[in-house]
Protein backbone atom coordinates (compact mmCIF):
# COMPACT_ATOMS: atom_id res chain seq x y z
CA MET A 1 115.06 85.77 90.34
CA HIS A 2 116.29 86.95 93.73
CA LEU A 3 114.64 90.11 95.05
CA LYS A 4 117.99 91.91 95.29
CA ALA A 5 118.39 91.55 91.54
CA LEU A 6 114.95 92.92 90.72
CA HIS A 7 115.22 96.07 88.60
CA VAL A 8 112.02 98.11 88.23
CA ALA A 9 111.10 101.09 86.07
CA LEU A 10 108.36 102.90 88.02
CA VAL A 11 106.43 105.10 85.58
CA SER A 12 104.48 107.78 87.41
CA PRO A 13 104.51 111.42 88.47
CA PHE A 14 107.07 112.02 91.24
CA PHE A 15 107.90 114.85 93.63
CA PRO A 16 108.32 117.81 93.12
CA LEU A 17 105.13 117.49 91.02
CA LYS A 18 102.08 118.16 93.19
CA GLY A 19 99.32 115.74 94.07
CA GLY A 20 98.57 112.43 95.73
CA ILE A 21 99.90 110.20 92.93
CA ALA A 22 103.29 111.93 92.98
CA ARG A 23 103.48 111.63 96.76
CA PHE A 24 102.48 107.94 96.62
CA SER A 25 105.07 107.02 93.98
CA THR A 26 107.87 109.02 95.60
CA THR A 27 107.20 107.31 98.94
CA LEU A 28 106.96 103.86 97.33
CA ARG A 29 110.21 104.29 95.41
CA ASN A 30 112.04 105.41 98.55
CA VAL A 31 110.76 102.38 100.49
CA LEU A 32 111.81 99.99 97.70
CA LEU A 33 115.26 101.61 97.55
CA LYS A 34 115.65 101.17 101.32
CA ARG A 35 114.79 97.51 100.83
CA GLY A 36 117.73 97.18 98.44
CA ARG A 37 115.85 97.14 95.15
CA LYS A 38 116.92 99.04 92.03
CA VAL A 39 114.12 101.42 91.01
CA ASP A 40 114.35 103.97 88.20
CA GLY A 41 111.63 106.62 88.31
CA ILE A 42 110.22 107.60 84.92
CA SER A 43 108.33 110.83 85.51
CA PHE A 44 106.42 113.48 83.57
CA LYS A 45 107.41 116.84 82.16
CA ARG A 46 103.75 117.72 81.65
CA LEU A 47 100.67 115.86 82.79
CA TYR A 48 97.70 118.04 81.84
CA PRO A 49 96.91 120.81 79.37
CA GLY A 50 97.12 124.23 81.02
CA ILE A 51 93.37 124.76 80.57
CA LEU A 52 92.63 121.87 82.96
CA LEU A 53 94.94 123.29 85.62
CA ARG A 54 92.95 126.55 85.80
CA GLY A 55 96.02 128.54 86.67
CA LYS A 56 97.17 126.16 89.44
CA ALA A 57 100.85 125.57 90.07
CA VAL A 58 102.34 122.29 88.82
CA PHE A 59 105.07 121.91 91.44
CA GLU A 60 104.87 121.83 95.23
CA PRO A 61 105.22 125.39 96.58
CA GLY A 62 108.78 126.21 97.57
CA ALA A 63 110.16 122.97 96.14
CA SER A 64 113.13 122.83 93.81
CA ILE A 65 111.88 121.74 90.40
CA GLU A 66 114.84 119.40 90.09
CA PRO A 67 113.79 115.73 90.50
CA GLU A 68 115.54 113.35 92.88
CA ASP A 69 118.48 111.28 91.68
CA GLY A 70 117.26 108.30 89.70
CA VAL A 71 114.06 110.06 88.56
CA LEU A 72 113.89 111.14 84.90
CA PRO A 73 111.15 113.63 83.88
CA LEU A 74 110.64 112.39 80.32
CA ILE A 75 106.97 112.14 79.42
CA ASP A 76 104.85 114.96 78.00
CA THR A 77 101.31 113.61 77.73
CA LEU A 78 100.60 116.04 74.87
CA ASN A 79 103.71 115.22 72.82
CA PRO A 80 103.85 111.66 71.40
CA LEU A 81 107.47 112.19 70.35
CA THR A 82 108.41 112.10 74.06
CA TRP A 83 106.61 108.76 74.41
CA PHE A 84 108.94 107.19 71.85
CA ALA A 85 111.98 108.85 73.45
CA THR A 86 110.87 107.50 76.86
CA ALA A 87 110.58 103.99 75.44
CA ARG A 88 114.15 104.25 74.13
CA SER A 89 115.35 105.43 77.56
CA ILE A 90 113.62 102.53 79.30
CA ARG A 91 115.16 100.08 76.83
CA ARG A 92 118.61 101.51 77.63
CA ILE A 93 118.25 101.00 81.41
CA GLN A 94 116.95 97.43 80.82
CA PRO A 95 114.62 96.86 83.79
CA GLU A 96 113.03 93.46 84.35
CA ILE A 97 109.58 95.05 84.67
CA MET A 98 107.68 98.33 84.36
CA ILE A 99 105.15 99.35 87.01
CA CYS A 100 102.91 102.06 85.56
CA ALA A 101 100.67 104.24 87.76
CA TYR A 102 97.19 104.56 86.26
CA TRP A 103 94.41 106.90 87.33
CA LEU A 104 93.46 108.62 84.09
CA GLY A 105 92.20 107.19 80.78
CA PRO A 106 94.48 109.18 78.43
CA LEU A 107 97.55 107.58 80.06
CA SER A 108 96.64 104.26 78.43
CA PRO A 109 98.09 104.89 74.95
CA ILE A 110 101.36 106.11 76.51
CA TYR A 111 101.81 102.99 78.63
CA TRP A 112 100.65 100.75 75.79
CA LEU A 113 103.28 102.24 73.51
CA LEU A 114 106.03 101.90 76.13
CA GLN A 115 105.22 98.21 76.54
CA ARG A 116 104.97 97.51 72.81
CA ILE A 117 108.28 99.19 71.97
CA THR A 118 110.30 97.88 74.92
CA GLY A 119 108.76 94.40 75.14
CA ILE A 120 109.17 94.62 78.92
CA LYS A 121 106.51 93.07 81.13
CA MET A 122 104.14 95.62 82.62
CA ILE A 123 102.17 95.82 85.88
CA VAL A 124 99.49 98.49 86.06
CA LEU A 125 99.32 100.08 89.51
CA MET A 126 95.67 101.13 89.39
CA HIS A 127 94.76 104.02 91.68
CA ASN A 128 91.35 104.48 90.01
CA TYR A 129 89.42 102.26 87.63
CA THR A 130 87.67 105.27 86.06
CA SER A 131 88.90 108.84 85.89
CA HIS A 132 87.28 111.33 88.26
CA GLU A 133 86.84 113.67 85.31
CA ARG A 134 85.16 111.68 82.54
CA PHE A 135 87.05 111.34 79.26
CA PHE A 136 85.85 110.41 75.80
CA ALA A 137 86.39 106.74 74.94
CA GLU A 138 87.87 105.97 78.36
CA LYS A 139 86.75 102.33 78.20
CA LYS A 140 88.48 101.86 74.84
CA PHE A 141 91.65 103.38 76.30
CA ARG A 142 91.46 101.08 79.33
CA ASP A 143 90.84 98.04 77.10
CA LEU A 144 93.93 98.95 75.09
CA LEU A 145 96.06 99.06 78.24
CA LEU A 146 94.76 96.11 80.22
CA LYS A 147 94.80 93.71 77.28
CA GLU A 148 98.57 94.27 77.17
CA ALA A 149 99.10 94.25 80.96
CA ASP A 150 100.88 91.30 82.58
CA GLY A 151 99.30 92.12 85.93
CA VAL A 152 97.30 94.71 87.85
CA VAL A 153 97.79 95.90 91.43
CA THR A 154 94.93 97.80 93.04
CA LEU A 155 94.69 99.80 96.26
CA SER A 156 91.29 98.40 97.22
CA GLU A 157 89.18 95.27 96.83
CA TYR A 158 86.54 97.48 95.19
CA VAL A 159 88.80 98.31 92.24
CA ALA A 160 90.11 94.72 92.08
CA ARG A 161 86.53 93.48 91.61
CA GLN A 162 85.99 95.96 88.79
CA VAL A 163 89.11 94.73 87.00
CA LYS A 164 88.32 91.04 87.53
CA ASN A 165 84.77 91.46 86.25
CA SER A 166 85.86 93.18 83.03
CA TYR A 167 89.27 91.55 82.44
CA PRO A 168 89.14 88.06 83.99
CA GLU A 169 92.26 86.95 82.08
CA VAL A 170 94.54 89.56 83.76
CA PRO A 171 96.23 88.57 87.07
CA VAL A 172 95.08 91.00 89.79
CA LYS A 173 96.51 91.64 93.25
CA ALA A 174 94.32 93.63 95.65
CA LEU A 175 96.46 95.55 98.13
CA PHE A 176 95.73 98.74 100.07
CA HIS A 177 96.75 102.38 100.32
CA PRO A 178 99.49 102.48 102.97
CA VAL A 179 99.37 104.95 105.87
CA TYR A 180 101.55 108.03 105.49
CA SER A 181 103.96 108.87 108.27
CA PRO A 182 103.33 112.40 109.59
CA GLY A 183 107.04 113.20 109.24
CA GLY A 184 108.90 116.00 110.99
CA THR A 185 108.17 117.26 114.48
CA LEU A 186 104.62 116.71 115.71
CA ILE A 187 102.73 119.70 117.04
CA SER A 188 100.34 119.73 119.99
CA ARG A 189 96.68 120.46 119.40
CA GLN A 190 96.97 123.51 121.65
CA ASP A 191 99.79 124.98 119.56
CA ALA A 192 98.08 124.13 116.27
CA CYS A 193 94.85 125.81 117.45
CA ARG A 194 96.81 128.89 118.47
CA THR A 195 98.53 129.09 115.08
CA LEU A 196 95.25 128.73 113.16
CA GLY A 197 93.26 130.99 115.48
CA ILE A 198 90.87 128.23 116.59
CA ASP A 199 89.38 127.89 120.08
CA PRO A 200 90.84 124.66 121.58
CA GLN A 201 87.46 123.96 123.21
CA GLU A 202 85.77 123.55 119.81
CA ARG A 203 85.19 120.20 118.13
CA VAL A 204 86.83 120.42 114.71
CA LEU A 205 85.83 118.64 111.50
CA LEU A 206 88.40 118.76 108.70
CA PHE A 207 87.78 118.67 104.96
CA PHE A 208 91.25 118.35 103.45
CA GLY A 209 92.69 118.33 99.95
CA TYR A 210 91.74 119.43 96.45
CA VAL A 211 88.16 120.67 96.19
CA ARG A 212 86.59 118.94 93.21
CA GLU A 213 82.94 118.21 92.54
CA TYR A 214 83.14 114.47 93.22
CA LYS A 215 84.47 115.11 96.73
CA GLY A 216 81.09 116.34 97.99
CA LEU A 217 82.13 119.43 99.95
CA ASP A 218 78.73 120.92 99.10
CA LEU A 219 77.05 118.08 101.01
CA LEU A 220 79.23 118.75 104.05
CA VAL A 221 78.55 122.49 103.97
CA ASP A 222 74.80 121.82 103.72
CA ALA A 223 75.04 119.41 106.68
CA MET A 224 76.64 121.99 108.95
CA PRO A 225 73.48 123.84 110.12
CA GLU A 226 72.11 120.57 111.55
CA VAL A 227 75.48 119.63 113.08
CA VAL A 228 75.79 123.05 114.73
CA ARG A 229 72.19 122.90 115.96
CA ARG A 230 72.89 119.61 117.74
CA HIS A 231 76.50 120.36 118.71
CA PRO A 232 76.92 124.15 118.89
CA GLY A 233 80.66 124.05 119.63
CA THR A 234 81.57 122.41 116.31
CA ARG A 235 83.73 124.01 113.63
CA LEU A 236 84.36 122.93 110.05
CA VAL A 237 87.84 123.63 108.68
CA ILE A 238 88.24 123.50 104.89
CA ALA A 239 91.90 123.31 103.85
CA GLY A 240 92.81 122.78 100.23
CA GLU A 241 93.06 124.09 96.71
CA PHE A 242 89.74 124.92 95.04
CA TYR A 243 89.34 123.63 91.50
CA TYR A 244 85.86 125.09 91.34
CA GLY A 245 83.41 127.28 93.19
CA GLU A 246 85.35 128.94 96.02
CA LYS A 247 83.20 132.07 95.80
CA LEU A 248 80.00 130.00 95.58
CA PHE A 249 81.00 127.99 98.66
CA ARG A 250 81.68 131.11 100.66
CA GLU A 251 78.30 132.55 99.65
CA ARG A 252 76.52 129.29 100.53
CA ILE A 253 78.18 129.18 103.96
CA GLU A 254 76.89 132.69 104.70
CA GLN A 255 73.40 131.92 103.34
CA LEU A 256 73.16 128.94 105.71
CA GLY A 257 74.09 131.13 108.66
CA VAL A 258 77.17 129.09 109.63
CA GLY A 259 79.84 131.58 108.60
CA CYS A 260 81.11 131.86 112.18
CA ARG A 261 81.39 128.04 112.38
CA VAL A 262 83.36 127.45 109.15
CA SER A 263 86.99 128.40 108.51
CA VAL A 264 88.34 128.29 104.95
CA TYR A 265 92.09 128.03 104.22
CA PRO A 266 92.31 128.02 100.41
CA GLY A 267 95.40 126.93 98.50
CA PHE A 268 97.64 123.91 98.23
CA VAL A 269 98.74 122.58 101.63
CA PRO A 270 102.44 121.59 101.76
CA PRO A 271 103.50 118.78 104.14
CA GLU A 272 104.87 121.09 106.84
CA ARG A 273 101.51 122.90 107.08
CA MET A 274 99.48 119.70 106.80
CA ARG A 275 100.31 118.73 110.39
CA LEU A 276 98.60 121.92 111.66
CA PHE A 277 95.25 120.92 110.20
CA PHE A 278 95.33 117.27 111.22
CA SER A 279 96.54 118.20 114.70
CA VAL A 280 93.47 120.37 115.37
CA ALA A 281 90.99 117.92 113.83
CA ASP A 282 88.76 115.63 115.86
CA ALA A 283 87.92 113.86 112.58
CA ALA A 284 88.59 114.18 108.86
CA VAL A 285 85.38 114.11 106.80
CA LEU A 286 85.31 112.62 103.28
CA PRO A 287 81.76 112.95 101.87
CA TYR A 288 82.88 111.72 98.43
CA ARG A 289 80.30 110.95 95.75
CA GLU A 290 82.71 108.40 94.25
CA ALA A 291 86.04 106.98 95.34
CA SER A 292 88.30 104.03 94.59
CA GLN A 293 90.14 104.84 97.84
CA SER A 294 91.67 108.01 99.21
CA GLY A 295 95.10 109.07 100.36
CA VAL A 296 93.42 111.58 102.70
CA VAL A 297 92.26 108.70 104.92
CA GLN A 298 95.83 107.44 105.15
CA GLN A 299 97.13 110.94 105.87
CA ALA A 300 94.59 111.27 108.67
CA TYR A 301 95.52 107.87 110.13
CA GLY A 302 99.19 108.87 110.07
CA PHE A 303 98.30 111.64 112.49
CA GLY A 304 96.10 109.35 114.61
CA CYS A 305 93.01 111.16 113.33
CA PRO A 306 89.75 109.19 112.87
CA VAL A 307 87.63 109.62 109.75
CA ILE A 308 84.00 110.04 108.71
CA VAL A 309 83.54 108.76 105.16
CA SER A 310 80.78 108.14 102.67
CA GLY A 311 79.94 104.56 101.73
CA MET A 312 81.13 105.07 98.17
CA GLY A 313 83.53 102.76 96.34
CA GLY A 314 86.50 101.51 98.32
CA LEU A 315 86.34 104.10 101.13
CA PRO A 316 84.59 101.83 103.67
CA GLU A 317 87.40 99.24 103.29
CA ALA A 318 89.77 101.66 105.03
CA VAL A 319 87.51 102.12 108.09
CA ASP A 320 87.04 99.75 111.01
CA GLU A 321 83.52 101.02 111.54
CA GLY A 322 82.76 102.26 115.02
CA LYS A 323 86.45 102.00 115.95
CA THR A 324 88.53 104.10 113.55
CA GLY A 325 85.64 106.17 112.30
CA VAL A 326 82.14 106.27 110.86
CA VAL A 327 80.77 105.22 107.45
CA VAL A 328 77.75 107.19 106.19
CA ARG A 329 75.83 104.90 103.85
CA ASP A 330 73.25 107.40 102.50
CA LEU A 331 74.84 110.36 100.79
CA ASP A 332 72.73 113.41 101.59
CA PRO A 333 73.25 116.34 104.00
CA LEU A 334 70.94 115.02 106.73
CA SER A 335 72.47 111.53 106.74
CA LEU A 336 75.93 113.08 106.77
CA ALA A 337 74.92 115.28 109.73
CA ASP A 338 73.61 112.18 111.54
CA GLY A 339 76.93 110.37 110.97
CA ILE A 340 78.96 113.34 112.20
CA CYS A 341 76.78 113.77 115.29
CA SER A 342 77.02 110.05 116.03
CA PHE A 343 80.81 110.36 115.96
CA LEU A 344 80.79 113.44 118.22
CA GLU A 345 78.45 111.78 120.71
CA ASN A 346 80.51 108.57 120.90
CA SER A 347 83.97 110.11 120.90
CA LYS A 348 84.28 110.15 124.68
CA ALA A 349 83.30 106.49 124.98
CA VAL A 350 85.25 105.15 121.98
CA PRO A 351 89.08 105.37 121.99
CA TYR A 352 89.19 106.36 118.32
CA ARG A 353 92.80 107.53 118.26
CA GLU A 354 94.17 104.43 119.97
CA ASN A 355 92.17 102.30 117.55
CA VAL A 356 93.55 104.26 114.58
CA ASP A 357 97.13 103.70 115.73
CA ARG A 358 96.57 99.93 116.06
CA TYR A 359 94.74 99.73 112.74
CA ALA A 360 97.38 101.75 110.88
CA ALA A 361 100.18 99.43 112.00
CA HIS A 362 98.82 96.72 109.67
CA PHE A 363 98.92 99.01 106.62
CA SER A 364 102.51 100.20 106.54
CA TRP A 365 104.59 100.99 103.45
CA GLU A 366 106.92 98.11 104.35
CA VAL A 367 104.04 95.62 104.23
CA PHE A 368 102.77 97.11 100.97
CA ALA A 369 106.25 96.97 99.37
CA GLU A 370 106.74 93.36 100.42
CA LYS A 371 103.43 92.25 98.91
CA LEU A 372 104.07 94.27 95.74
CA GLU A 373 107.49 92.62 95.36
CA GLU A 374 105.98 89.15 95.76
CA PHE A 375 103.45 89.82 93.00
CA THR A 376 106.08 91.44 90.79
CA LEU A 377 108.30 88.34 91.02
CA GLU A 378 105.34 86.15 90.06
CA VAL A 379 104.74 88.28 86.97
CA VAL A 380 108.44 88.39 86.01
CA ALA A 381 108.70 84.63 86.39
């Protein structure tokens, strides 16, 4: 089959739904469309029970809740009747293949049912091998899905190894998380500092994105007294929506005596505000306790911002150590402080930002789309 004829149903959350998966799939679909492919987006009406959202908004702030042309919000994870209706809709549009975004165990029965009813070949685009929030019988759900899958695409070698070890009969393609373009008009560090009320002379560390337990913000907060002791002009900026413990974090920051060195900007950060935070940052810090990979690294790279990451999961794969950032192998506050201080001390000698720009050029959305298409054609054939 010629690539131009390839017709894909991409099953995933899409903009205007919030979150990294929606942003990833929206960007991927747009790139594939620009390359001349036919891609129907099959999106979600509801992803999570309200109790899990803890009062958080579902859609991007200020966005129209109407999906883009060619994106159908059909699936309600809590209503199996919509799963059957979605299968009928996919059968009507007759794609050659379904690509289903997976990051959460309970999605497995939905995708399994879509494949069984439609009979269409299915590639699982695996963002995470295991859910960040543990779910009952997740392995059984994953078994159900991957035993029906015709192929798996991962965003890191780390996840590819997990799949190959447990499901050796399933074809696996290890790719990467592409680098996000900053989009819009760039802002100077001076202007971004002025807008956020930050002294331009300070060295700024950025913790960005949803605050969840696995992301290790507590480790970073506990590392700050040592960082400030060794580098007094350092500031930590926390920008993101808290899913737990905002009050506890604020109390801990004061208890540690670093309240004047930490700025907290709670709430979801839309793309136009994102550039403010990455423009002021000397480095983005990801002290994650677990990670398949992270879109935050690719967001940082899009702004030319180096990263300091934990050695967990697939995070180190995205760092050219000593050139685009620092990998902290031992995950405790003192080791994290050592890694941050090492970065600060070397930043004048190492051209981190130039290295990031060169590194990012190899991980574009165009390259990702091309490799995904190649694998998809193999599976279809």
